[in-house]
PDB file of N, CA and C in Angstrom:
ATOM      1  N   MET A   1     -25.811   7.576  45.347  1.00  0.00           N
ATOM      2  CA  MET A   1     -26.056   6.228  44.871  1.00  0.00           C
ATOM      3  C   MET A   1     -25.675   6.144  43.400  1.00  0.00           C
ATOM      4  N   CYS A   2     -24.976   5.096  43.041  1.00  0.00           N
ATOM      5  CA  CYS A   2     -24.605   4.850  41.650  1.00  0.00           C
ATOM      6  C   CYS A   2     -25.644   3.923  41.028  1.00  0.00           C
ATOM      7  N   LEU A   3     -25.915   4.152  39.763  1.00  0.00           N
ATOM      8  CA  LEU A   3     -26.933   3.364  39.097  1.00  0.00           C
ATOM      9  C   LEU A   3     -26.427   2.925  37.731  1.00  0.00           C
ATOM     10  N   GLY A   4     -26.438   1.630  37.492  1.00  0.00           N
ATOM     11  CA  GLY A   4     -26.098   1.090  36.188  1.00  0.00           C
ATOM     12  C   GLY A   4     -27.371   0.792  35.414  1.00  0.00           C
ATOM     13  N   ILE A   5     -27.322   1.044  34.120  1.00  0.00           N
ATOM     14  CA  ILE A   5     -28.487   0.859  33.259  1.00  0.00           C
ATOM     15  C   ILE A   5     -28.174  -0.230  32.229  1.00  0.00           C
ATOM     16  N   PRO A   6     -29.020  -1.250  32.118  1.00  0.00           N
ATOM     17  CA  PRO A   6     -28.809  -2.267  31.084  1.00  0.00           C
ATOM     18  C   PRO A   6     -29.137  -1.694  29.702  1.00  0.00           C
ATOM     19  N   MET A   7     -28.235  -1.926  28.762  1.00  0.00           N
ATOM     20  CA  MET A   7     -28.453  -1.453  27.396  1.00  0.00           C
ATOM     21  C   MET A   7     -28.025  -2.535  26.415  1.00  0.00           C
ATOM     22  N   GLN A   8     -28.680  -2.516  25.242  1.00  0.00           N
ATOM     23  CA  GLN A   8     -28.335  -3.474  24.194  1.00  0.00           C
ATOM     24  C   GLN A   8     -27.448  -2.783  23.165  1.00  0.00           C
ATOM     25  N   ILE A   9     -26.396  -3.469  22.755  1.00  0.00           N
ATOM     26  CA  ILE A   9     -25.472  -2.922  21.767  1.00  0.00           C
ATOM     27  C   ILE A   9     -26.095  -3.017  20.380  1.00  0.00           C
ATOM     28  N   MET A  10     -26.141  -1.884  19.687  1.00  0.00           N
ATOM     29  CA  MET A  10     -26.711  -1.825  18.346  1.00  0.00           C
ATOM     30  C   MET A  10     -25.617  -1.850  17.272  1.00  0.00           C
ATOM     31  N   GLU A  11     -24.478  -1.202  17.552  1.00  0.00           N
ATOM     32  CA  GLU A  11     -23.337  -1.240  16.632  1.00  0.00           C
ATOM     33  C   GLU A  11     -22.067  -0.956  17.417  1.00  0.00           C
ATOM     34  N   ILE A  12     -20.947  -1.441  16.886  1.00  0.00           N
ATOM     35  CA  ILE A  12     -19.655  -1.278  17.546  1.00  0.00           C
ATOM     36  C   ILE A  12     -18.666  -0.703  16.548  1.00  0.00           C
ATOM     37  N   ASN A  13     -17.877   0.264  17.052  1.00  0.00           N
ATOM     38  CA  ASN A  13     -16.808   0.860  16.262  1.00  0.00           C
ATOM     39  C   ASN A  13     -15.593   0.984  17.179  1.00  0.00           C
ATOM     40  N   GLY A  14     -14.697   0.010  17.130  1.00  0.00           N
ATOM     41  CA  GLY A  14     -13.545  -0.001  18.030  1.00  0.00           C
ATOM     42  C   GLY A  14     -13.997  -0.237  19.460  1.00  0.00           C
ATOM     43  N   PHE A  15     -13.631   0.696  20.349  1.00  0.00           N
ATOM     44  CA  PHE A  15     -14.052   0.598  21.744  1.00  0.00           C
ATOM     45  C   PHE A  15     -15.304   1.422  22.025  1.00  0.00           C
ATOM     46  N   ASN A  16     -15.966   1.883  20.974  1.00  0.00           N
ATOM     47  CA  ASN A  16     -17.201   2.652  21.140  1.00  0.00           C
ATOM     48  C   ASN A  16     -18.381   1.861  20.589  1.00  0.00           C
ATOM     49  N   ALA A  17     -19.494   1.964  21.285  1.00  0.00           N
ATOM     50  CA  ALA A  17     -20.700   1.244  20.851  1.00  0.00           C
ATOM     51  C   ALA A  17     -21.890   2.193  20.900  1.00  0.00           C
ATOM     52  N   ARG A  18     -22.807   1.981  20.000  1.00  0.00           N
ATOM     53  CA  ARG A  18     -24.097   2.671  20.051  1.00  0.00           C
ATOM     54  C   ARG A  18     -25.041   1.684  20.721  1.00  0.00           C
ATOM     55  N   CYS A  19     -25.607   2.091  21.851  1.00  0.00           N
ATOM     56  CA  CYS A  19     -26.464   1.204  22.635  1.00  0.00           C
ATOM     57  C   CYS A  19     -27.849   1.820  22.780  1.00  0.00           C
ATOM     58  N   GLN A  20     -28.840   0.973  23.063  1.00  0.00           N
ATOM     59  CA  GLN A  20     -30.193   1.471  23.261  1.00  0.00           C
ATOM     60  C   GLN A  20     -30.861   0.759  24.415  1.00  0.00           C
ATOM     61  N   ALA A  21     -31.745   1.514  25.055  1.00  0.00           N
ATOM     62  CA  ALA A  21     -32.587   0.969  26.119  1.00  0.00           C
ATOM     63  C   ALA A  21     -33.865   1.774  26.149  1.00  0.00           C
ATOM     64  N   LYS A  22     -34.992   1.083  26.071  1.00  0.00           N
ATOM     65  CA  LYS A  22     -36.309   1.731  26.135  1.00  0.00           C
ATOM     66  C   LYS A  22     -36.450   2.859  25.110  1.00  0.00           C
ATOM     67  N   GLY A  23     -35.887   2.652  23.923  1.00  0.00           N
ATOM     68  CA  GLY A  23     -36.017   3.616  22.842  1.00  0.00           C
ATOM     69  C   GLY A  23     -35.024   4.764  22.878  1.00  0.00           C
ATOM     70  N   ILE A  24     -34.162   4.815  23.882  1.00  0.00           N
ATOM     71  CA  ILE A  24     -33.153   5.859  23.995  1.00  0.00           C
ATOM     72  C   ILE A  24     -31.806   5.286  23.564  1.00  0.00           C
ATOM     73  N   GLU A  25     -31.099   6.008  22.707  1.00  0.00           N
ATOM     74  CA  GLU A  25     -29.782   5.561  22.257  1.00  0.00           C
ATOM     75  C   GLU A  25     -28.695   6.434  22.856  1.00  0.00           C
ATOM     76  N   ARG A  26     -27.567   5.806  23.165  1.00  0.00           N
ATOM     77  CA  ARG A  26     -26.417   6.498  23.731  1.00  0.00           C
ATOM     78  C   ARG A  26     -25.139   5.867  23.190  1.00  0.00           C
ATOM     79  N   ASP A  27     -24.087   6.690  23.131  1.00  0.00           N
ATOM     80  CA  ASP A  27     -22.760   6.181  22.822  1.00  0.00           C
ATOM     81  C   ASP A  27     -22.140   5.691  24.132  1.00  0.00           C
ATOM     82  N   VAL A  28     -21.557   4.504  24.092  1.00  0.00           N
ATOM     83  CA  VAL A  28     -21.009   3.869  25.289  1.00  0.00           C
ATOM     84  C   VAL A  28     -19.580   3.421  24.993  1.00  0.00           C
ATOM     85  N   ASN A  29     -18.690   3.653  25.947  1.00  0.00           N
ATOM     86  CA  ASN A  29     -17.305   3.240  25.815  1.00  0.00           C
ATOM     87  C   ASN A  29     -17.157   1.799  26.305  1.00  0.00           C
ATOM     88  N   LEU A  30     -16.509   0.965  25.494  1.00  0.00           N
ATOM     89  CA  LEU A  30     -16.321  -0.453  25.823  1.00  0.00           C
ATOM     90  C   LEU A  30     -14.926  -0.763  26.360  1.00  0.00           C
ATOM     91  N   PHE A  31     -14.112   0.257  26.607  1.00  0.00           N
ATOM     92  CA  PHE A  31     -12.724   0.037  26.971  1.00  0.00           C
ATOM     93  C   PHE A  31     -12.557  -0.860  28.198  1.00  0.00           C
ATOM     94  N   MET A  32     -13.442  -0.739  29.173  1.00  0.00           N
ATOM     95  CA  MET A  32     -13.316  -1.551  30.382  1.00  0.00           C
ATOM     96  C   MET A  32     -13.580  -3.031  30.121  1.00  0.00           C
ATOM     97  N   LEU A  33     -14.129  -3.351  28.954  1.00  0.00           N
ATOM     98  CA  LEU A  33     -14.388  -4.747  28.572  1.00  0.00           C
ATOM     99  C   LEU A  33     -13.446  -5.195  27.454  1.00  0.00           C
ATOM    100  N   GLN A  34     -12.305  -4.524  27.326  1.00  0.00           N
ATOM    101  CA  GLN A  34     -11.409  -4.759  26.192  1.00  0.00           C
ATOM    102  C   GLN A  34     -10.896  -6.194  26.089  1.00  0.00           C
ATOM    103  N   HIS A  35     -10.846  -6.921  27.191  1.00  0.00           N
ATOM    104  CA  HIS A  35     -10.331  -8.289  27.141  1.00  0.00           C
ATOM    105  C   HIS A  35     -11.383  -9.295  26.687  1.00  0.00           C
ATOM    106  N   GLU A  36     -12.654  -8.919  26.773  1.00  0.00           N
ATOM    107  CA  GLU A  36     -13.755  -9.757  26.288  1.00  0.00           C
ATOM    108  C   GLU A  36     -14.808  -8.853  25.680  1.00  0.00           C
ATOM    109  N   LEU A  37     -14.503  -8.255  24.541  1.00  0.00           N
ATOM    110  CA  LEU A  37     -15.424  -7.314  23.920  1.00  0.00           C
ATOM    111  C   LEU A  37     -16.756  -7.980  23.604  1.00  0.00           C
ATOM    112  N   PRO A  38     -17.845  -7.328  23.977  1.00  0.00           N
ATOM    113  CA  PRO A  38     -19.175  -7.865  23.648  1.00  0.00           C
ATOM    114  C   PRO A  38     -19.448  -7.716  22.158  1.00  0.00           C
ATOM    115  N   LEU A  39     -20.480  -8.387  21.715  1.00  0.00           N
ATOM    116  CA  LEU A  39     -20.882  -8.368  20.308  1.00  0.00           C
ATOM    117  C   LEU A  39     -22.168  -7.564  20.134  1.00  0.00           C
ATOM    118  N   VAL A  40     -22.425  -7.152  18.911  1.00  0.00           N
ATOM    119  CA  VAL A  40     -23.682  -6.484  18.588  1.00  0.00           C
ATOM    120  C   VAL A  40     -24.828  -7.406  18.982  1.00  0.00           C
ATOM    121  N   GLY A  41     -25.828  -6.843  19.642  1.00  0.00           N
ATOM    122  CA  GLY A  41     -26.980  -7.617  20.091  1.00  0.00           C
ATOM    123  C   GLY A  41     -26.892  -8.028  21.545  1.00  0.00           C
ATOM    124  N   GLU A  42     -25.693  -8.026  22.120  1.00  0.00           N
ATOM    125  CA  GLU A  42     -25.527  -8.394  23.520  1.00  0.00           C
ATOM    126  C   GLU A  42     -25.893  -7.214  24.417  1.00  0.00           C
ATOM    127  N   TYR A  43     -26.052  -7.514  25.697  1.00  0.00           N
ATOM    128  CA  TYR A  43     -26.434  -6.511  26.681  1.00  0.00           C
ATOM    129  C   TYR A  43     -25.262  -6.200  27.593  1.00  0.00           C
ATOM    130  N   VAL A  44     -25.161  -4.931  27.976  1.00  0.00           N
ATOM    131  CA  VAL A  44     -24.121  -4.489  28.891  1.00  0.00           C
ATOM    132  C   VAL A  44     -24.737  -3.604  29.968  1.00  0.00           C
ATOM    133  N   MET A  45     -24.097  -3.592  31.137  1.00  0.00           N
ATOM    134  CA  MET A  45     -24.489  -2.684  32.215  1.00  0.00           C
ATOM    135  C   MET A  45     -23.672  -1.414  32.032  1.00  0.00           C
ATOM    136  N   VAL A  46     -24.361  -0.274  31.923  1.00  0.00           N
ATOM    137  CA  VAL A  46     -23.708   0.992  31.609  1.00  0.00           C
ATOM    138  C   VAL A  46     -23.820   1.948  32.787  1.00  0.00           C
ATOM    139  N   HIS A  47     -22.679   2.568  33.127  1.00  0.00           N
ATOM    140  CA  HIS A  47     -22.647   3.591  34.179  1.00  0.00           C
ATOM    141  C   HIS A  47     -21.786   4.739  33.664  1.00  0.00           C
ATOM    142  N   VAL A  48     -22.323   5.940  33.690  1.00  0.00           N
ATOM    143  CA  VAL A  48     -21.686   7.178  33.214  1.00  0.00           C
ATOM    144  C   VAL A  48     -20.957   6.998  31.878  1.00  0.00           C
ATOM    145  N   GLY A  49     -21.602   6.315  30.948  1.00  0.00           N
ATOM    146  CA  GLY A  49     -21.069   6.182  29.599  1.00  0.00           C
ATOM    147  C   GLY A  49     -20.101   5.044  29.374  1.00  0.00           C
ATOM    148  N   TYR A  50     -19.852   4.230  30.400  1.00  0.00           N
ATOM    149  CA  TYR A  50     -18.939   3.104  30.275  1.00  0.00           C
ATOM    150  C   TYR A  50     -19.671   1.793  30.512  1.00  0.00           C
ATOM    151  N   ALA A  51     -19.412   0.813  29.647  1.00  0.00           N
ATOM    152  CA  ALA A  51     -19.940  -0.531  29.864  1.00  0.00           C
ATOM    153  C   ALA A  51     -19.071  -1.199  30.918  1.00  0.00           C
ATOM    154  N   LEU A  52     -19.711  -1.650  32.010  1.00  0.00           N
ATOM    155  CA  LEU A  52     -18.973  -2.249  33.121  1.00  0.00           C
ATOM    156  C   LEU A  52     -18.897  -3.765  33.040  1.00  0.00           C
ATOM    157  N   GLN A  53     -19.951  -4.381  32.484  1.00  0.00           N
ATOM    158  CA  GLN A  53     -19.980  -5.834  32.372  1.00  0.00           C
ATOM    159  C   GLN A  53     -21.019  -6.225  31.342  1.00  0.00           C
ATOM    160  N   THR A  54     -20.859  -7.434  30.806  1.00  0.00           N
ATOM    161  CA  THR A  54     -21.894  -7.967  29.928  1.00  0.00           C
ATOM    162  C   THR A  54     -22.939  -8.641  30.807  1.00  0.00           C
ATOM    163  N   MET A  55     -24.113  -8.818  30.253  1.00  0.00           N
ATOM    164  CA  MET A  55     -25.192  -9.470  30.991  1.00  0.00           C
ATOM    165  C   MET A  55     -26.107 -10.170  29.999  1.00  0.00           C
ATOM    166  N   THR A  56     -26.872 -11.113  30.501  1.00  0.00           N
ATOM    167  CA  THR A  56     -27.808 -11.828  29.637  1.00  0.00           C
ATOM    168  C   THR A  56     -29.029 -10.949  29.374  1.00  0.00           C
ATOM    169  N   GLU A  57     -29.760 -11.302  28.345  1.00  0.00           N
ATOM    170  CA  GLU A  57     -30.997 -10.586  28.052  1.00  0.00           C
ATOM    171  C   GLU A  57     -31.973 -10.704  29.215  1.00  0.00           C
ATOM    172  N   GLN A  58     -32.041 -11.888  29.825  1.00  0.00           N
ATOM    173  CA  GLN A  58     -32.934 -12.101  30.969  1.00  0.00           C
ATOM    174  C   GLN A  58     -32.542 -11.207  32.148  1.00  0.00           C
ATOM    175  N   ASP A  59     -31.255 -11.099  32.434  1.00  0.00           N
ATOM    176  CA  ASP A  59     -30.799 -10.221  33.523  1.00  0.00           C
ATOM    177  C   ASP A  59     -31.133  -8.761  33.225  1.00  0.00           C
ATOM    178  N   ALA A  60     -30.967  -8.373  31.983  1.00  0.00           N
ATOM    179  CA  ALA A  60     -31.310  -6.991  31.599  1.00  0.00           C
ATOM    180  C   ALA A  60     -32.804  -6.744  31.798  1.00  0.00           C
ATOM    181  N   GLN A  61     -33.640  -7.682  31.377  1.00  0.00           N
ATOM    182  CA  GLN A  61     -35.082  -7.550  31.522  1.00  0.00           C
ATOM    183  C   GLN A  61     -35.490  -7.484  32.990  1.00  0.00           C
ATOM    184  N   THR A  62     -34.915  -8.359  33.806  1.00  0.00           N
ATOM    185  CA  THR A  62     -35.210  -8.361  35.242  1.00  0.00           C
ATOM    186  C   THR A  62     -34.805  -7.034  35.886  1.00  0.00           C
ATOM    187  N   THR A  63     -33.660  -6.516  35.504  1.00  0.00           N
ATOM    188  CA  THR A  63     -33.204  -5.228  36.040  1.00  0.00           C
ATOM    189  C   THR A  63     -34.163  -4.121  35.665  1.00  0.00           C
ATOM    190  N   TRP A  64     -34.614  -4.093  34.407  1.00  0.00           N
ATOM    191  CA  TRP A  64     -35.569  -3.057  33.992  1.00  0.00           C
ATOM    192  C   TRP A  64     -36.892  -3.187  34.739  1.00  0.00           C
ATOM    193  N   GLU A  65     -37.342  -4.406  34.993  1.00  0.00           N
ATOM    194  CA  GLU A  65     -38.573  -4.591  35.769  1.00  0.00           C
ATOM    195  C   GLU A  65     -38.422  -4.017  37.172  1.00  0.00           C
ATOM    196  N   LEU A  66     -37.271  -4.256  37.800  1.00  0.00           N
ATOM    197  CA  LEU A  66     -37.020  -3.715  39.132  1.00  0.00           C
ATOM    198  C   LEU A  66     -36.930  -2.189  39.111  1.00  0.00           C
ATOM    199  N   LEU A  67     -36.240  -1.638  38.117  1.00  0.00           N
ATOM    200  CA  LEU A  67     -36.138  -0.177  38.004  1.00  0.00           C
ATOM    201  C   LEU A  67     -37.510   0.451  37.779  1.00  0.00           C
ATOM    202  N   ASP A  68     -38.348  -0.201  36.969  1.00  0.00           N
ATOM    203  CA  ASP A  68     -39.706   0.309  36.734  1.00  0.00           C
ATOM    204  C   ASP A  68     -40.525   0.293  38.023  1.00  0.00           C
ATOM    205  N   GLU A  69     -40.353  -0.755  38.837  1.00  0.00           N
ATOM    206  CA  GLU A  69     -41.063  -0.830  40.130  1.00  0.00           C
ATOM    207  C   GLU A  69     -40.612   0.292  41.067  1.00  0.00           C
ATOM    208  N   ILE A  70     -39.326   0.567  41.102  1.00  0.00           N
ATOM    209  CA  ILE A  70     -38.811   1.655  41.935  1.00  0.00           C
ATOM    210  C   ILE A  70     -39.411   2.984  41.478  1.00  0.00           C
ATOM    211  N   LEU A  71     -39.438   3.208  40.190  1.00  0.00           N
ATOM    212  CA  LEU A  71     -40.001   4.446  39.659  1.00  0.00           C
ATOM    213  C   LEU A  71     -41.473   4.584  40.015  1.00  0.00           C
ATOM    214  N   LYS A  72     -42.228   3.489  39.878  1.00  0.00           N
ATOM    215  CA  LYS A  72     -43.653   3.524  40.235  1.00  0.00           C
ATOM    216  C   LYS A  72     -43.850   3.839  41.705  1.00  0.00           C
ATOM    217  N   SER A  73     -43.057   3.228  42.571  1.00  0.00           N
ATOM    218  CA  SER A  73     -43.226   3.457  44.001  1.00  0.00           C
ATOM    219  C   SER A  73     -42.845   4.890  44.377  1.00  0.00           C
ATOM    220  N   GLU A  74     -41.841   5.457  43.714  1.00  0.00           N
ATOM    221  CA  GLU A  74     -41.473   6.850  43.977  1.00  0.00           C
ATOM    222  C   GLU A  74     -42.568   7.798  43.518  1.00  0.00           C
ATOM    223  N   GLN A  75     -43.161   7.518  42.357  1.00  0.00           N
ATOM    224  CA  GLN A  75     -44.254   8.366  41.875  1.00  0.00           C
ATOM    225  C   GLN A  75     -45.457   8.275  42.790  1.00  0.00           C
ATOM    226  N   PHE A  76     -45.722   7.078  43.326  1.00  0.00           N
ATOM    227  CA  PHE A  76     -46.834   6.908  44.258  1.00  0.00           C
ATOM    228  C   PHE A  76     -46.559   7.705  45.537  1.00  0.00           C
ATOM    229  N   SER A  77     -45.323   7.620  46.040  1.00  0.00           N
ATOM    230  CA  SER A  77     -44.965   8.332  47.272  1.00  0.00           C
ATOM    231  C   SER A  77     -45.094   9.839  47.092  1.00  0.00           C
ATOM    232  N   GLU A  78     -44.699  10.354  45.917  1.00  0.00           N
ATOM    233  CA  GLU A  78     -44.805  11.789  45.656  1.00  0.00           C
ATOM    234  C   GLU A  78     -46.245  12.243  45.576  1.00  0.00           C
ATOM    235  N   ALA A  79     -47.142  11.358  45.140  1.00  0.00           N
ATOM    236  CA  ALA A  79     -48.567  11.703  45.020  1.00  0.00           C
ATOM    237  C   ALA A  79     -49.229  11.831  46.400  1.00  0.00           C
ATOM    238  N   LEU A  80     -48.654  11.160  47.397  1.00  0.00           N
ATOM    239  CA  LEU A  80     -49.231  11.221  48.743  1.00  0.00           C
ATOM    240  C   LEU A  80     -48.880  12.544  49.325  1.00  0.00           C
TER     241      LEU A  80
END
């Protein structure tokens, strides 16, 4: 299963961006978005170090809520 993680862009240097999510920072490649480069402060969906698409803050928040629910349900299942 492939999983994309919503991250917020903190700074941009060419096709590279420093992004953060839940207090974790990562370097992300923006090359796949070269025709519509996102701006600092915007959110992107990241998979294996590449930004795949831009997204709204609301979409990013909703995605994190769903991911948190999945994590909670897996932890509950492991406890049984």
